[in-house]
Amino acid sequence: MAKLLLILLTTLLALLPGCKNLDAGSREFIPGKGWVPVNR
């Protein structure tokens, strides 16, 4: 049982960095164009 938990924990920790949102920039809604990135 402990070995299974260790494998699950290791897998979870390996996948966590891949779940981060890479595009964290601000966006603004412009009618006709949709959501466009805003550089501030």
C-alpha atoms as a PDB file:
ATOM      1  CA  MET A   1       0.000   0.000   0.000  1.00  0.00           C
ATOM      2  CA  ALA A   2       2.794   2.437   0.882  1.00  0.00           C
ATOM      3  CA  LYS A   3       4.525   1.717  -2.427  1.00  0.00           C
ATOM      4  CA  LEU A   4       1.336   2.545  -4.344  1.00  0.00           C
ATOM      5  CA  LEU A   5       0.954   5.835  -2.462  1.00  0.00           C
ATOM      6  CA  LEU A   6       4.570   6.704  -3.189  1.00  0.00           C
ATOM      7  CA  ILE A   7       4.062   6.072  -6.919  1.00  0.00           C
ATOM      8  CA  LEU A   8       0.885   8.183  -6.979  1.00  0.00           C
ATOM      9  CA  LEU A   9       2.555  11.042  -5.114  1.00  0.00           C
ATOM     10  CA  THR A  10       5.560  10.987  -7.425  1.00  0.00           C
ATOM     11  CA  THR A  11       3.303  11.016 -10.495  1.00  0.00           C
ATOM     12  CA  LEU A  12       1.287  13.929  -9.121  1.00  0.00           C
ATOM     13  CA  LEU A  13       4.418  15.961  -8.385  1.00  0.00           C
ATOM     14  CA  ALA A  14       5.760  15.242 -11.870  1.00  0.00           C
ATOM     15  CA  LEU A  15       2.548  16.473 -13.530  1.00  0.00           C
ATOM     16  CA  LEU A  16       2.009  19.612 -11.443  1.00  0.00           C
ATOM     17  CA  PRO A  17       4.504  21.888 -13.261  1.00  0.00           C
ATOM     18  CA  GLY A  18       2.799  21.110 -16.579  1.00  0.00           C
ATOM     19  CA  CYS A  19      -0.552  22.393 -15.290  1.00  0.00           C
ATOM     20  CA  LYS A  20       0.582  25.985 -14.835  1.00  0.00           C
ATOM     21  CA  ASN A  21      -0.944  28.613 -17.092  1.00  0.00           C
ATOM     22  CA  LEU A  22       1.864  29.790 -19.367  1.00  0.00           C
ATOM     23  CA  ASP A  23      -0.094  32.718 -20.824  1.00  0.00           C
ATOM     24  CA  ALA A  24      -0.766  34.883 -17.771  1.00  0.00           C
ATOM     25  CA  GLY A  25      -1.011  38.184 -19.648  1.00  0.00           C
ATOM     26  CA  SER A  26      -3.946  40.565 -19.327  1.00  0.00           C
ATOM     27  CA  ARG A  27      -6.686  40.452 -21.921  1.00  0.00           C
ATOM     28  CA  GLU A  28      -9.308  42.932 -23.012  1.00  0.00           C
ATOM     29  CA  PHE A  29     -12.580  42.240 -24.814  1.00  0.00           C
ATOM     30  CA  ILE A  30     -13.038  44.247 -27.992  1.00  0.00           C
ATOM     31  CA  PRO A  31     -16.351  43.783 -29.825  1.00  0.00           C
ATOM     32  CA  GLY A  32     -15.699  42.360 -33.270  1.00  0.00           C
ATOM     33  CA  LYS A  33     -12.224  41.133 -32.343  1.00  0.00           C
ATOM     34  CA  GLY A  34     -12.854  39.137 -29.165  1.00  0.00           C
ATOM     35  CA  TRP A  35     -10.301  38.816 -26.368  1.00  0.00           C
ATOM     36  CA  VAL A  36      -7.006  40.474 -27.315  1.00  0.00           C
ATOM     37  CA  PRO A  37      -3.774  40.606 -25.268  1.00  0.00           C
ATOM     38  CA  VAL A  38      -3.008  43.913 -23.560  1.00  0.00           C
ATOM     39  CA  ASN A  39       0.592  44.978 -22.967  1.00  0.00           C
ATOM     40  CA  ARG A  40       0.939  47.196 -19.908  1.00  0.00           C
END
